[in-house]
Protein backbone atom coordinates (compact mmCIF):
# COMPACT_ATOMS: atom_id res chain seq x y z
CA UNK A 1 -26.22 -51.89 31.83
CA UNK A 2 -23.78 -49.97 29.35
CA UNK A 3 -24.11 -47.43 27.25
CA UNK A 4 -22.27 -46.36 24.28
CA UNK A 5 -19.80 -43.47 24.06
CA UNK A 6 -20.36 -41.35 20.36
CA UNK A 7 -17.92 -38.49 19.32
CA UNK A 8 -17.72 -35.77 16.87
CA UNK A 9 -14.53 -34.75 15.53
CA UNK A 10 -14.05 -30.84 14.76
CA UNK A 11 -11.25 -29.66 12.95
CA UNK A 12 -10.97 -25.55 14.27
CA UNK A 13 -8.25 -22.67 13.32
CA UNK A 14 -7.08 -20.80 15.76
CA UNK A 15 -5.51 -17.12 14.20
CA UNK A 16 -3.05 -15.20 16.37
CA UNK A 17 -2.80 -11.77 15.83
CA UNK A 18 0.46 -9.82 17.65
CA UNK A 19 1.54 -6.86 16.60
CA UNK A 20 4.94 -4.77 16.85
CA UNK A 21 5.75 -1.62 15.81
CA UNK A 22 9.21 -0.54 14.04
CA UNK A 23 10.63 2.98 13.41
CA UNK A 24 11.70 2.92 9.22
CA UNK A 25 14.70 5.06 8.77
CA UNK A 26 14.04 8.48 6.11
CA UNK A 27 16.81 6.74 3.78
CA UNK A 28 17.15 7.49 0.04
CA UNK A 29 16.77 3.79 0.09
CA UNK A 30 12.38 4.93 0.97
CA UNK A 31 11.94 7.62 -1.79
CA UNK A 32 10.90 7.43 -4.93
CA UNK A 33 13.49 6.84 -7.40
CA UNK A 34 11.97 9.79 -9.90
CA UNK A 35 11.83 13.42 -8.40
CA UNK A 36 8.39 15.18 -9.07
CA UNK A 37 7.95 18.01 -11.38
CA UNK A 38 10.06 20.22 -8.92
CA UNK A 39 12.88 18.19 -8.58
CA UNK A 40 12.35 16.98 -4.51
CA UNK A 41 12.06 13.39 -3.98
CA UNK A 42 8.79 11.98 -1.97
CA UNK A 43 8.35 9.17 0.17
CA UNK A 44 7.67 5.69 -1.43
CA UNK A 45 5.01 4.09 0.94
CA UNK A 46 6.18 0.39 -1.00
CA UNK A 47 9.13 1.04 -0.16
CA UNK A 48 8.52 2.10 3.62
CA UNK A 49 6.28 -0.25 4.08
CA UNK A 50 8.50 -3.25 2.02
CA UNK A 51 11.59 -1.97 4.73
CA UNK A 52 8.88 -2.65 7.44
CA UNK A 53 8.31 -5.85 6.79
CA UNK A 54 12.05 -6.71 6.96
CA UNK A 55 12.82 -4.74 10.25
CA UNK A 56 9.56 -6.99 11.80
CA UNK A 57 10.95 -10.36 10.24
CA UNK A 58 14.58 -9.28 12.40
CA UNK A 59 12.69 -7.89 15.68
CA UNK A 60 11.85 -9.57 18.53
CA UNK A 61 9.35 -7.52 19.72
CA UNK A 62 5.98 -8.79 19.17
CA UNK A 63 3.20 -8.89 21.39
CA UNK A 64 0.14 -10.97 21.30
CA UNK A 65 -2.50 -8.78 20.52
CA UNK A 66 -5.87 -11.04 19.89
CA UNK A 67 -6.86 -14.85 19.20
CA UNK A 68 -9.79 -15.91 17.48
CA UNK A 69 -10.93 -19.85 17.27
CA UNK A 70 -13.38 -20.80 14.68
CA UNK A 71 -14.65 -23.97 12.39
CA UNK A 72 -11.77 -24.93 10.03
CA UNK A 73 -13.72 -24.16 6.58
CA UNK A 74 -11.69 -27.67 5.59
CA UNK A 75 -13.66 -30.56 7.17
CA UNK A 76 -11.24 -33.44 6.83
CA UNK A 77 -10.65 -37.16 9.57
CA UNK A 78 -7.45 -36.75 12.22
CA UNK A 79 -4.13 -37.39 11.74
CA UNK A 80 -3.89 -41.17 13.00
CA UNK A 81 -0.56 -42.06 14.73
């Protein structure tokens, strides 16, 4: 007597986190547009992060930090090829 085998498809997602460190040069590009009341300029955090992201997109020095597998929040039937 043969028994039928059944299965249930579960859609998973794997989230991979990589890290890289970049050194953003302190230039006029990352300074605030307007001086403080005393006439001094300060670094602009938003501009620093924008420059860091641009540098990271060009960098090949990414290292695997973590992988996490979990059930995908949207379940659907697998694509048939």
